[in-house]
Amino acid sequence: LSLRYGVGVFEPANTIALRYKLSKKVYLEAASGVASSLDIF
């Protein structure tokens, strides 16, 4: 489980994302910011 938090320098846009590794090549990521999403990579 890893965490990423981004702060916009020029645009008032903050993002936060949680990534969970299912295997060496597949991981699940939940992100919230301008738009929220749940993706499998």
Full PDB file with SEQRES, HELIX, SHEET, SSBOND, CRYST1, ORIGX, SCALE, CONECT and MASTER records, all heavy atoms in Angstrom:
SEQRES   1 A   41  LEU SER LEU ARG TYR GLY VAL GLY VAL PHE GLU PRO ALA          
SEQRES   2 A   41  ASN THR ILE ALA LEU ARG TYR LYS LEU SER LYS LYS VAL          
SEQRES   3 A   41  TYR LEU GLU ALA ALA SER GLY VAL ALA SER SER LEU ASP          
SEQRES   4 A   41  ILE PHE                                                      
SHEET    1 AA1 4 SER A   2  VAL A   7  0                                        
SHEET    2 AA1 4 ASN A  14  LYS A  21 -1                                        
SHEET    3 AA1 4 TYR A  27  SER A  32 -1                                        
SHEET    4 AA1 4 SER A  37  ILE A  40 -1                                        
CRYST1    1.000    1.000    1.000  90.00  90.00  90.00 P 1           1          
ORIGX1      1.000000  0.000000  0.000000        0.00000                         
ORIGX2      0.000000  1.000000  0.000000        0.00000                         
ORIGX3      0.000000  0.000000  1.000000        0.00000                         
SCALE1      1.000000  0.000000  0.000000        0.00000                         
SCALE2      0.000000  1.000000  0.000000        0.00000                         
SCALE3      0.000000  0.000000  1.000000        0.00000                         
ATOM      1  N   LEU A   1       0.842  -1.194   0.000  1.00  0.00           N  
ATOM      2  CA  LEU A   1       0.000   0.000   0.000  1.00  0.00           C  
ATOM      3  C   LEU A   1       0.878   1.245   0.000  1.00  0.00           C  
ATOM      4  O   LEU A   1       1.770   1.393   0.844  1.00  0.00           O  
ATOM      5  CB  LEU A   1      -0.910   0.006   1.234  1.00  0.00           C  
ATOM      6  CG  LEU A   1      -1.928   1.151   1.324  1.00  0.00           C  
ATOM      7  CD1 LEU A   1      -2.917   1.078   0.162  1.00  0.00           C  
ATOM      8  CD2 LEU A   1      -2.660   1.102   2.663  1.00  0.00           C  
ATOM      9  N   SER A   2       0.645   2.145  -0.978  1.00  0.00           N  
ATOM     10  CA  SER A   2       1.408   3.389  -1.069  1.00  0.00           C  
ATOM     11  C   SER A   2       0.451   4.569  -1.168  1.00  0.00           C  
ATOM     12  O   SER A   2      -0.702   4.440  -1.609  1.00  0.00           O  
ATOM     13  CB  SER A   2       2.346   3.374  -2.278  1.00  0.00           C  
ATOM     14  OG  SER A   2       1.616   3.257  -3.487  1.00  0.00           O  
ATOM     15  N   LEU A   3       0.938   5.755  -0.762  1.00  0.00           N  
ATOM     16  CA  LEU A   3       0.137   6.982  -0.727  1.00  0.00           C  
ATOM     17  C   LEU A   3       0.853   8.064  -1.517  1.00  0.00           C  
ATOM     18  O   LEU A   3       2.075   8.207  -1.434  1.00  0.00           O  
ATOM     19  CB  LEU A   3      -0.048   7.426   0.732  1.00  0.00           C  
ATOM     20  CG  LEU A   3      -0.737   8.785   0.965  1.00  0.00           C  
ATOM     21  CD1 LEU A   3      -2.211   8.694   0.558  1.00  0.00           C  
ATOM     22  CD2 LEU A   3      -0.613   9.192   2.431  1.00  0.00           C  
ATOM     23  N   ARG A   4       0.076   8.856  -2.279  1.00  0.00           N  
ATOM     24  CA  ARG A   4       0.634   9.967  -3.053  1.00  0.00           C  
ATOM     25  C   ARG A   4      -0.264  11.180  -2.896  1.00  0.00           C  
ATOM     26  O   ARG A   4      -1.484  11.091  -3.029  1.00  0.00           O  
ATOM     27  CB  ARG A   4       0.764   9.574  -4.531  1.00  0.00           C  
ATOM     28  CG  ARG A   4       1.477  10.638  -5.375  1.00  0.00           C  
ATOM     29  CD  ARG A   4       1.677  10.199  -6.818  1.00  0.00           C  
ATOM     30  NE  ARG A   4       0.440  10.272  -7.595  1.00  0.00           N  
ATOM     31  CZ  ARG A   4      -0.275   9.232  -7.958  1.00  0.00           C  
ATOM     32  NH1 ARG A   4       0.109   8.011  -7.613  1.00  0.00           N  
ATOM     33  NH2 ARG A   4      -1.371   9.376  -8.669  1.00  0.00           N  
ATOM     34  N   TYR A   5       0.351  12.359  -2.597  1.00  0.00           N  
ATOM     35  CA  TYR A   5      -0.415  13.594  -2.431  1.00  0.00           C  
ATOM     36  C   TYR A   5       0.243  14.670  -3.280  1.00  0.00           C  
ATOM     37  O   TYR A   5       1.445  14.914  -3.181  1.00  0.00           O  
ATOM     38  CB  TYR A   5      -0.432  14.034  -0.965  1.00  0.00           C  
ATOM     39  CG  TYR A   5      -1.185  15.329  -0.730  1.00  0.00           C  
ATOM     40  CD1 TYR A   5      -2.566  15.393  -0.906  1.00  0.00           C  
ATOM     41  CD2 TYR A   5      -0.509  16.479  -0.340  1.00  0.00           C  
ATOM     42  CE1 TYR A   5      -3.250  16.571  -0.700  1.00  0.00           C  
ATOM     43  CE2 TYR A   5      -1.193  17.672  -0.132  1.00  0.00           C  
ATOM     44  CZ  TYR A   5      -2.567  17.714  -0.311  1.00  0.00           C  
ATOM     45  OH  TYR A   5      -3.255  18.883  -0.118  1.00  0.00           O  
ATOM     46  N   GLY A   6      -0.533  15.307  -4.150  1.00  0.00           N  
ATOM     47  CA  GLY A   6      -0.014  16.330  -5.044  1.00  0.00           C  
ATOM     48  C   GLY A   6      -0.657  17.679  -4.798  1.00  0.00           C  
ATOM     49  O   GLY A   6      -1.856  17.785  -4.525  1.00  0.00           O  
ATOM     50  N   VAL A   7       0.172  18.745  -4.863  1.00  0.00           N  
ATOM     51  CA  VAL A   7      -0.285  20.120  -4.683  1.00  0.00           C  
ATOM     52  C   VAL A   7       0.012  20.889  -5.962  1.00  0.00           C  
ATOM     53  O   VAL A   7       1.168  20.931  -6.407  1.00  0.00           O  
ATOM     54  CB  VAL A   7       0.419  20.798  -3.485  1.00  0.00           C  
ATOM     55  CG1 VAL A   7      -0.053  22.234  -3.339  1.00  0.00           C  
ATOM     56  CG2 VAL A   7       0.156  20.020  -2.211  1.00  0.00           C  
ATOM     57  N   GLY A   8      -1.010  21.477  -6.595  1.00  0.00           N  
ATOM     58  CA  GLY A   8      -0.800  22.243  -7.813  1.00  0.00           C  
ATOM     59  C   GLY A   8       0.008  23.502  -7.556  1.00  0.00           C  
ATOM     60  O   GLY A   8      -0.196  24.193  -6.557  1.00  0.00           O  
ATOM     61  N   VAL A   9       0.961  23.792  -8.449  1.00  0.00           N  
ATOM     62  CA  VAL A   9       1.775  24.997  -8.300  1.00  0.00           C  
ATOM     63  C   VAL A   9       1.056  26.203  -8.881  1.00  0.00           C  
ATOM     64  O   VAL A   9       0.983  27.267  -8.271  1.00  0.00           O  
ATOM     65  CB  VAL A   9       3.148  24.801  -8.989  1.00  0.00           C  
ATOM     66  CG1 VAL A   9       3.954  26.094  -8.965  1.00  0.00           C  
ATOM     67  CG2 VAL A   9       3.918  23.686  -8.293  1.00  0.00           C  
ATOM     68  N   PHE A  10       0.465  26.063 -10.056  1.00  0.00           N  
ATOM     69  CA  PHE A  10      -0.198  27.189 -10.716  1.00  0.00           C  
ATOM     70  C   PHE A  10      -1.716  27.072 -10.692  1.00  0.00           C  
ATOM     71  O   PHE A  10      -2.412  28.073 -10.833  1.00  0.00           O  
ATOM     72  CB  PHE A  10       0.280  27.298 -12.181  1.00  0.00           C  
ATOM     73  CG  PHE A  10       1.770  27.432 -12.303  1.00  0.00           C  
ATOM     74  CD1 PHE A  10       2.527  26.428 -12.884  1.00  0.00           C  
ATOM     75  CD2 PHE A  10       2.420  28.545 -11.826  1.00  0.00           C  
ATOM     76  CE1 PHE A  10       3.900  26.552 -12.984  1.00  0.00           C  
ATOM     77  CE2 PHE A  10       3.790  28.673 -11.925  1.00  0.00           C  
ATOM     78  CZ  PHE A  10       4.534  27.672 -12.509  1.00  0.00           C  
ATOM     79  N   GLU A  11      -2.228  25.873 -10.542  1.00  0.00           N  
ATOM     80  CA  GLU A  11      -3.667  25.664 -10.519  1.00  0.00           C  
ATOM     81  C   GLU A  11      -4.084  25.152  -9.149  1.00  0.00           C  
ATOM     82  O   GLU A  11      -3.388  24.324  -8.546  1.00  0.00           O  
ATOM     83  CB  GLU A  11      -4.076  24.656 -11.603  1.00  0.00           C  
ATOM     84  CG  GLU A  11      -3.790  25.144 -13.020  1.00  0.00           C  
ATOM     85  CD  GLU A  11      -4.202  24.103 -14.052  1.00  0.00           C  
ATOM     86  OE1 GLU A  11      -4.490  22.957 -13.645  1.00  0.00           O  
ATOM     87  OE2 GLU A  11      -4.224  24.439 -15.243  1.00  0.00           O  
ATOM     88  N   PRO A  12      -5.211  25.639  -8.617  1.00  0.00           N  
ATOM     89  CA  PRO A  12      -5.671  25.224  -7.283  1.00  0.00           C  
ATOM     90  C   PRO A  12      -6.276  23.816  -7.314  1.00  0.00           C  
ATOM     91  O   PRO A  12      -7.471  23.636  -7.083  1.00  0.00           O  
ATOM     92  CB  PRO A  12      -6.705  26.282  -6.927  1.00  0.00           C  
ATOM     93  CG  PRO A  12      -7.259  26.723  -8.243  1.00  0.00           C  
ATOM     94  CD  PRO A  12      -6.121  26.651  -9.226  1.00  0.00           C  
ATOM     95  N   ALA A  13      -5.425  22.842  -7.600  1.00  0.00           N  
ATOM     96  CA  ALA A  13      -5.910  21.463  -7.719  1.00  0.00           C  
ATOM     97  C   ALA A  13      -5.020  20.548  -6.892  1.00  0.00           C  
ATOM     98  O   ALA A  13      -3.824  20.462  -7.141  1.00  0.00           O  
ATOM     99  CB  ALA A  13      -5.909  21.024  -9.182  1.00  0.00           C  
ATOM    100  N   ASN A  14      -5.643  19.915  -5.892  1.00  0.00           N  
ATOM    101  CA  ASN A  14      -4.929  18.955  -5.064  1.00  0.00           C  
ATOM    102  C   ASN A  14      -5.436  17.554  -5.374  1.00  0.00           C  
ATOM    103  O   ASN A  14      -6.632  17.361  -5.623  1.00  0.00           O  
ATOM    104  CB  ASN A  14      -5.131  19.252  -3.571  1.00  0.00           C  
ATOM    105  CG  ASN A  14      -4.629  20.642  -3.206  1.00  0.00           C  
ATOM    106  OD1 ASN A  14      -3.834  21.227  -3.930  1.00  0.00           O  
ATOM    107  ND2 ASN A  14      -5.106  21.165  -2.087  1.00  0.00           N  
ATOM    108  N   THR A  15      -4.533  16.581  -5.339  1.00  0.00           N  
ATOM    109  CA  THR A  15      -4.929  15.199  -5.599  1.00  0.00           C  
ATOM    110  C   THR A  15      -4.350  14.311  -4.518  1.00  0.00           C  
ATOM    111  O   THR A  15      -3.256  14.566  -4.002  1.00  0.00           O  
ATOM    112  CB  THR A  15      -4.413  14.712  -6.978  1.00  0.00           C  
ATOM    113  OG1 THR A  15      -2.987  14.803  -7.004  1.00  0.00           O  
ATOM    114  CG2 THR A  15      -5.004  15.539  -8.105  1.00  0.00           C  
ATOM    115  N   ILE A  16      -5.096  13.277  -4.161  1.00  0.00           N  
ATOM    116  CA  ILE A  16      -4.613  12.268  -3.230  1.00  0.00           C  
ATOM    117  C   ILE A  16      -4.959  10.901  -3.802  1.00  0.00           C  
ATOM    118  O   ILE A  16      -6.040  10.715  -4.377  1.00  0.00           O  
ATOM    119  CB  ILE A  16      -5.228  12.454  -1.821  1.00  0.00           C  
ATOM    120  CG1 ILE A  16      -4.600  11.456  -0.844  1.00  0.00           C  
ATOM    121  CG2 ILE A  16      -6.742  12.326  -1.839  1.00  0.00           C  
ATOM    122  CD1 ILE A  16      -4.950  11.731   0.607  1.00  0.00           C  
ATOM    123  N   ALA A  17      -4.030   9.973  -3.715  1.00  0.00           N  
ATOM    124  CA  ALA A  17      -4.237   8.666  -4.328  1.00  0.00           C  
ATOM    125  C   ALA A  17      -3.666   7.581  -3.427  1.00  0.00           C  
ATOM    126  O   ALA A  17      -2.609   7.748  -2.826  1.00  0.00           O  
ATOM    127  CB  ALA A  17      -3.577   8.609  -5.710  1.00  0.00           C  
ATOM    128  N   LEU A  18      -4.397   6.479  -3.339  1.00  0.00           N  
ATOM    129  CA  LEU A  18      -3.951   5.280  -2.649  1.00  0.00           C  
ATOM    130  C   LEU A  18      -3.771   4.173  -3.686  1.00  0.00           C  
ATOM    131  O   LEU A  18      -4.660   3.963  -4.517  1.00  0.00           O  
ATOM    132  CB  LEU A  18      -4.960   4.839  -1.588  1.00  0.00           C  
ATOM    133  CG  LEU A  18      -4.909   5.545  -0.239  1.00  0.00           C  
ATOM    134  CD1 LEU A  18      -6.105   5.138   0.610  1.00  0.00           C  
ATOM    135  CD2 LEU A  18      -3.619   5.226   0.499  1.00  0.00           C  
ATOM    136  N   ARG A  19      -2.643   3.496  -3.636  1.00  0.00           N  
ATOM    137  CA  ARG A  19      -2.365   2.438  -4.609  1.00  0.00           C  
ATOM    138  C   ARG A  19      -2.091   1.140  -3.840  1.00  0.00           C  
ATOM    139  O   ARG A  19      -1.281   1.115  -2.910  1.00  0.00           O  
ATOM    140  CB  ARG A  19      -1.163   2.803  -5.464  1.00  0.00           C  
ATOM    141  CG  ARG A  19      -0.735   1.713  -6.436  1.00  0.00           C  
ATOM    142  CD  ARG A  19       0.430   2.162  -7.281  1.00  0.00           C  
ATOM    143  NE  ARG A  19       0.044   3.252  -8.177  1.00  0.00           N  
ATOM    144  CZ  ARG A  19       0.876   3.818  -9.062  1.00  0.00           C  
ATOM    145  NH1 ARG A  19       2.120   3.394  -9.160  1.00  0.00           N  
ATOM    146  NH2 ARG A  19       0.456   4.801  -9.832  1.00  0.00           N  
ATOM    147  N   TYR A  20      -2.778   0.070  -4.258  1.00  0.00           N  
ATOM    148  CA  TYR A  20      -2.613  -1.240  -3.620  1.00  0.00           C  
ATOM    149  C   TYR A  20      -2.114  -2.223  -4.663  1.00  0.00           C  
ATOM    150  O   TYR A  20      -2.717  -2.387  -5.727  1.00  0.00           O  
ATOM    151  CB  TYR A  20      -3.937  -1.734  -3.024  1.00  0.00           C  
ATOM    152  CG  TYR A  20      -3.786  -3.023  -2.241  1.00  0.00           C  
ATOM    153  CD1 TYR A  20      -3.294  -3.010  -0.950  1.00  0.00           C  
ATOM    154  CD2 TYR A  20      -4.122  -4.258  -2.801  1.00  0.00           C  
ATOM    155  CE1 TYR A  20      -3.142  -4.183  -0.221  1.00  0.00           C  
ATOM    156  CE2 TYR A  20      -3.974  -5.441  -2.096  1.00  0.00           C  
ATOM    157  CZ  TYR A  20      -3.481  -5.397  -0.798  1.00  0.00           C  
ATOM    158  OH  TYR A  20      -3.323  -6.553  -0.092  1.00  0.00           O  
ATOM    159  N   LYS A  21      -0.982  -2.869  -4.374  1.00  0.00           N  
ATOM    160  CA  LYS A  21      -0.359  -3.796  -5.312  1.00  0.00           C  
ATOM    161  C   LYS A  21      -1.016  -5.173  -5.162  1.00  0.00           C  
ATOM    162  O   LYS A  21      -0.952  -5.809  -4.107  1.00  0.00           O  
ATOM    163  CB  LYS A  21       1.134  -3.896  -5.033  1.00  0.00           C  
ATOM    164  CG  LYS A  21       1.888  -4.745  -6.052  1.00  0.00           C  
ATOM    165  CD  LYS A  21       3.352  -4.911  -5.662  1.00  0.00           C  
ATOM    166  CE  LYS A  21       4.079  -3.582  -5.686  1.00  0.00           C  
ATOM    167  NZ  LYS A  21       5.527  -3.783  -5.391  1.00  0.00           N  
ATOM    168  N   LEU A  22      -1.665  -5.613  -6.240  1.00  0.00           N  
ATOM    169  CA  LEU A  22      -2.276  -6.938  -6.246  1.00  0.00           C  
ATOM    170  C   LEU A  22      -1.266  -8.013  -6.613  1.00  0.00           C  
ATOM    171  O   LEU A  22      -1.331  -9.142  -6.126  1.00  0.00           O  
ATOM    172  CB  LEU A  22      -3.453  -6.964  -7.226  1.00  0.00           C  
ATOM    173  CG  LEU A  22      -4.605  -5.982  -6.898  1.00  0.00           C  
ATOM    174  CD1 LEU A  22      -5.651  -6.014  -8.004  1.00  0.00           C  
ATOM    175  CD2 LEU A  22      -5.227  -6.313  -5.556  1.00  0.00           C  
ATOM    176  N   SER A  23      -0.330  -7.681  -7.504  1.00  0.00           N  
ATOM    177  CA  SER A  23       0.747  -8.578  -7.891  1.00  0.00           C  
ATOM    178  C   SER A  23       1.900  -7.711  -8.392  1.00  0.00           C  
ATOM    179  O   SER A  23       1.854  -6.488  -8.277  1.00  0.00           O  
ATOM    180  CB  SER A  23       0.281  -9.558  -8.984  1.00  0.00           C  
ATOM    181  OG  SER A  23       0.033  -8.866 -10.190  1.00  0.00           O  
ATOM    182  N   LYS A  24       2.923  -8.344  -8.955  1.00  0.00           N  
ATOM    183  CA  LYS A  24       4.062  -7.571  -9.436  1.00  0.00           C  
ATOM    184  C   LYS A  24       3.682  -6.658 -10.591  1.00  0.00           C  
ATOM    185  O   LYS A  24       4.302  -5.622 -10.800  1.00  0.00           O  
ATOM    186  CB  LYS A  24       5.193  -8.522  -9.875  1.00  0.00           C  
ATOM    187  CG  LYS A  24       5.852  -9.251  -8.716  1.00  0.00           C  
ATOM    188  CD  LYS A  24       7.015 -10.092  -9.218  1.00  0.00           C  
ATOM    189  CE  LYS A  24       7.723 -10.791  -8.063  1.00  0.00           C  
ATOM    190  NZ  LYS A  24       8.871 -11.616  -8.516  1.00  0.00           N  
ATOM    191  N   LYS A  25       2.655  -7.036 -11.366  1.00  0.00           N  
ATOM    192  CA  LYS A  25       2.303  -6.272 -12.568  1.00  0.00           C  
ATOM    193  C   LYS A  25       0.941  -5.606 -12.494  1.00  0.00           C  
ATOM    194  O   LYS A  25       0.625  -4.777 -13.338  1.00  0.00           O  
ATOM    195  CB  LYS A  25       2.351  -7.193 -13.795  1.00  0.00           C  
ATOM    196  CG  LYS A  25       3.737  -7.747 -14.100  1.00  0.00           C  
ATOM    197  CD  LYS A  25       3.728  -8.585 -15.369  1.00  0.00           C  
ATOM    198  CE  LYS A  25       5.134  -9.110 -15.685  1.00  0.00           C  
ATOM    199  NZ  LYS A  25       5.152  -9.919 -16.925  1.00  0.00           N  
ATOM    200  N   VAL A  26       0.123  -5.946 -11.508  1.00  0.00           N  
ATOM    201  CA  VAL A  26      -1.241  -5.412 -11.435  1.00  0.00           C  
ATOM    202  C   VAL A  26      -1.419  -4.687 -10.105  1.00  0.00           C  
ATOM    203  O   VAL A  26      -1.049  -5.209  -9.043  1.00  0.00           O  
ATOM    204  CB  VAL A  26      -2.293  -6.547 -11.560  1.00  0.00           C  
ATOM    205  CG1 VAL A  26      -3.696  -5.975 -11.477  1.00  0.00           C  
ATOM    206  CG2 VAL A  26      -2.106  -7.297 -12.870  1.00  0.00           C  
ATOM    207  N   TYR A  27      -1.972  -3.450 -10.175  1.00  0.00           N  
ATOM    208  CA  TYR A  27      -2.268  -2.746  -8.936  1.00  0.00           C  
ATOM    209  C   TYR A  27      -3.571  -1.957  -9.088  1.00  0.00           C  
ATOM    210  O   TYR A  27      -4.007  -1.603 -10.202  1.00  0.00           O  
ATOM    211  CB  TYR A  27      -1.111  -1.833  -8.514  1.00  0.00           C  
ATOM    212  CG  TYR A  27      -0.656  -0.838  -9.551  1.00  0.00           C  
ATOM    213  CD1 TYR A  27      -1.261   0.401  -9.684  1.00  0.00           C  
ATOM    214  CD2 TYR A  27       0.423  -1.138 -10.400  1.00  0.00           C  
ATOM    215  CE1 TYR A  27      -0.824   1.314 -10.613  1.00  0.00           C  
ATOM    216  CE2 TYR A  27       0.864  -0.235 -11.345  1.00  0.00           C  
ATOM    217  CZ  TYR A  27       0.237   1.000 -11.443  1.00  0.00           C  
ATOM    218  OH  TYR A  27       0.667   1.898 -12.376  1.00  0.00           O  
ATOM    219  N   LEU A  28      -4.169  -1.681  -7.949  1.00  0.00           N  
ATOM    220  CA  LEU A  28      -5.449  -0.984  -7.855  1.00  0.00           C  
ATOM    221  C   LEU A  28      -5.193   0.398  -7.276  1.00  0.00           C  
ATOM    222  O   LEU A  28      -4.472   0.539  -6.287  1.00  0.00           O  
ATOM    223  CB  LEU A  28      -6.405  -1.777  -6.960  1.00  0.00           C  
ATOM    224  CG  LEU A  28      -7.824  -1.232  -6.782  1.00  0.00           C  
ATOM    225  CD1 LEU A  28      -8.614  -1.379  -8.071  1.00  0.00           C  
ATOM    226  CD2 LEU A  28      -8.527  -1.990  -5.649  1.00  0.00           C  
ATOM    227  N   GLU A  29      -5.775   1.457  -7.883  1.00  0.00           N  
ATOM    228  CA  GLU A  29      -5.538   2.822  -7.417  1.00  0.00           C  
ATOM    229  C   GLU A  29      -6.850   3.579  -7.291  1.00  0.00           C  
ATOM    230  O   GLU A  29      -7.660   3.606  -8.222  1.00  0.00           O  
ATOM    231  CB  GLU A  29      -4.595   3.565  -8.364  1.00  0.00           C  
ATOM    232  CG  GLU A  29      -4.270   4.985  -7.902  1.00  0.00           C  
ATOM    233  CD  GLU A  29      -3.242   5.657  -8.788  1.00  0.00           C  
ATOM    234  OE1 GLU A  29      -2.038   5.385  -8.606  1.00  0.00           O  
ATOM    235  OE2 GLU A  29      -3.642   6.438  -9.667  1.00  0.00           O  
ATOM    236  N   ALA A  30      -7.019   4.201  -6.096  1.00  0.00           N  
ATOM    237  CA  ALA A  30      -8.166   5.071  -5.845  1.00  0.00           C  
ATOM    238  C   ALA A  30      -7.643   6.482  -5.719  1.00  0.00           C  
ATOM    239  O   ALA A  30      -6.762   6.763  -4.894  1.00  0.00           O  
ATOM    240  CB  ALA A  30      -8.889   4.642  -4.575  1.00  0.00           C  
ATOM    241  N   ALA A  31      -8.154   7.403  -6.554  1.00  0.00           N  
ATOM    242  CA  ALA A  31      -7.657   8.775  -6.586  1.00  0.00           C  
ATOM    243  C   ALA A  31      -8.823   9.738  -6.393  1.00  0.00           C  
ATOM    244  O   ALA A  31      -9.950   9.495  -6.845  1.00  0.00           O  
ATOM    245  CB  ALA A  31      -6.959   9.059  -7.921  1.00  0.00           C  
ATOM    246  N   SER A  32      -8.533  10.867  -5.716  1.00  0.00           N  
ATOM    247  CA  SER A  32      -9.532  11.904  -5.480  1.00  0.00           C  
ATOM    248  C   SER A  32      -8.891  13.244  -5.746  1.00  0.00           C  
ATOM    249  O   SER A  32      -7.779  13.513  -5.286  1.00  0.00           O  
ATOM    250  CB  SER A  32     -10.049  11.832  -4.039  1.00  0.00           C  
ATOM    251  OG  SER A  32     -10.947  12.881  -3.785  1.00  0.00           O  
ATOM    252  N   GLY A  33      -9.544  14.102  -6.506  1.00  0.00           N  
ATOM    253  CA  GLY A  33      -9.033  15.422  -6.831  1.00  0.00           C  
ATOM    254  C   GLY A  33     -10.093  16.178  -7.596  1.00  0.00           C  
ATOM    255  O   GLY A  33     -11.248  16.294  -7.155  1.00  0.00           O  
ATOM    256  N   VAL A  34      -9.727  16.728  -8.770  1.00  0.00           N  
ATOM    257  CA  VAL A  34     -10.719  17.363  -9.636  1.00  0.00           C  
ATOM    258  C   VAL A  34     -11.787  16.348 -10.005  1.00  0.00           C  
ATOM    259  O   VAL A  34     -12.982  16.651 -10.064  1.00  0.00           O  
ATOM    260  CB  VAL A  34     -10.020  17.922 -10.899  1.00  0.00           C  
ATOM    261  CG1 VAL A  34     -11.049  18.533 -11.839  1.00  0.00           C  
ATOM    262  CG2 VAL A  34      -8.975  18.951 -10.501  1.00  0.00           C  
ATOM    263  N   ALA A  35     -11.380  15.124 -10.224  1.00  0.00           N  
ATOM    264  CA  ALA A  35     -12.317  14.033 -10.474  1.00  0.00           C  
ATOM    265  C   ALA A  35     -11.856  12.825  -9.675  1.00  0.00           C  
ATOM    266  O   ALA A  35     -10.655  12.584  -9.535  1.00  0.00           O  
ATOM    267  CB  ALA A  35     -12.377  13.706 -11.962  1.00  0.00           C  
ATOM    268  N   SER A  36     -12.816  12.071  -9.127  1.00  0.00           N  
ATOM    269  CA  SER A  36     -12.485  10.866  -8.371  1.00  0.00           C  
ATOM    270  C   SER A  36     -12.535   9.657  -9.290  1.00  0.00           C  
ATOM    271  O   SER A  36     -13.317   9.616 -10.239  1.00  0.00           O  
ATOM    272  CB  SER A  36     -13.466  10.684  -7.204  1.00  0.00           C  
ATOM    273  OG  SER A  36     -13.382  11.794  -6.334  1.00  0.00           O  
ATOM    274  N   SER A  37     -11.680   8.677  -8.979  1.00  0.00           N  
ATOM    275  CA  SER A  37     -11.627   7.514  -9.861  1.00  0.00           C  
ATOM    276  C   SER A  37     -11.156   6.294  -9.087  1.00  0.00           C  
ATOM    277  O   SER A  37     -10.524   6.413  -8.026  1.00  0.00           O  
ATOM    278  CB  SER A  37     -10.679   7.758 -11.050  1.00  0.00           C  
ATOM    279  OG  SER A  37      -9.371   7.951 -10.581  1.00  0.00           O  
ATOM    280  N   LEU A  38     -11.489   5.135  -9.617  1.00  0.00           N  
ATOM    281  CA  LEU A  38     -10.998   3.858  -9.114  1.00  0.00           C  
ATOM    282  C   LEU A  38     -10.555   3.062 -10.332  1.00  0.00           C  
ATOM    283  O   LEU A  38     -11.369   2.744 -11.195  1.00  0.00           O  
ATOM    284  CB  LEU A  38     -12.088   3.108  -8.338  1.00  0.00           C  
ATOM    285  CG  LEU A  38     -11.678   1.733  -7.796  1.00  0.00           C  
ATOM    286  CD1 LEU A  38     -10.561   1.891  -6.758  1.00  0.00           C  
ATOM    287  CD2 LEU A  38     -12.875   1.014  -7.182  1.00  0.00           C  
ATOM    288  N   ASP A  39      -9.237   2.777 -10.424  1.00  0.00           N  
ATOM    289  CA  ASP A  39      -8.694   2.173 -11.641  1.00  0.00           C  
ATOM    290  C   ASP A  39      -7.882   0.933 -11.302  1.00  0.00           C  
ATOM    291  O   ASP A  39      -7.327   0.804 -10.205  1.00  0.00           O  
ATOM    292  CB  ASP A  39      -7.775   3.156 -12.381  1.00  0.00           C  
ATOM    293  CG  ASP A  39      -8.493   4.446 -12.749  1.00  0.00           C  
ATOM    294  OD1 ASP A  39      -9.364   4.394 -13.623  1.00  0.00           O  
ATOM    295  OD2 ASP A  39      -8.166   5.484 -12.137  1.00  0.00           O  
ATOM    296  N   ILE A  40      -7.835   0.021 -12.283  1.00  0.00           N  
ATOM    297  CA  ILE A  40      -6.953  -1.135 -12.208  1.00  0.00           C  
ATOM    298  C   ILE A  40      -5.897  -0.956 -13.308  1.00  0.00           C  
ATOM    299  O   ILE A  40      -6.224  -0.753 -14.474  1.00  0.00           O  
ATOM    300  CB  ILE A  40      -7.720  -2.451 -12.426  1.00  0.00           C  
ATOM    301  CG1 ILE A  40      -8.707  -2.684 -11.266  1.00  0.00           C  
ATOM    302  CG2 ILE A  40      -6.763  -3.622 -12.505  1.00  0.00           C  
ATOM    303  CD1 ILE A  40      -9.521  -3.943 -11.402  1.00  0.00           C  
ATOM    304  N   PHE A  41      -4.610  -1.018 -12.917  1.00  0.00           N  
ATOM    305  CA  PHE A  41      -3.519  -0.815 -13.850  1.00  0.00           C  
ATOM    306  C   PHE A  41      -2.752  -2.127 -14.049  1.00  0.00           C  
ATOM    307  O   PHE A  41      -2.547  -2.869 -13.090  1.00  0.00           O  
ATOM    308  CB  PHE A  41      -2.546   0.256 -13.325  1.00  0.00           C  
ATOM    309  CG  PHE A  41      -3.108   1.641 -13.344  1.00  0.00           C  
ATOM    310  CD1 PHE A  41      -3.803   2.143 -12.244  1.00  0.00           C  
ATOM    311  CD2 PHE A  41      -2.938   2.467 -14.442  1.00  0.00           C  
ATOM    312  CE1 PHE A  41      -4.312   3.418 -12.264  1.00  0.00           C  
ATOM    313  CE2 PHE A  41      -3.456   3.754 -14.474  1.00  0.00           C  
ATOM    314  CZ  PHE A  41      -4.146   4.229 -13.367  1.00  0.00           C  
TER     315      PHE A  41                                                      
MASTER        0    0    0    0    4    0    0    6  314    1    0    4          
END                                                                             
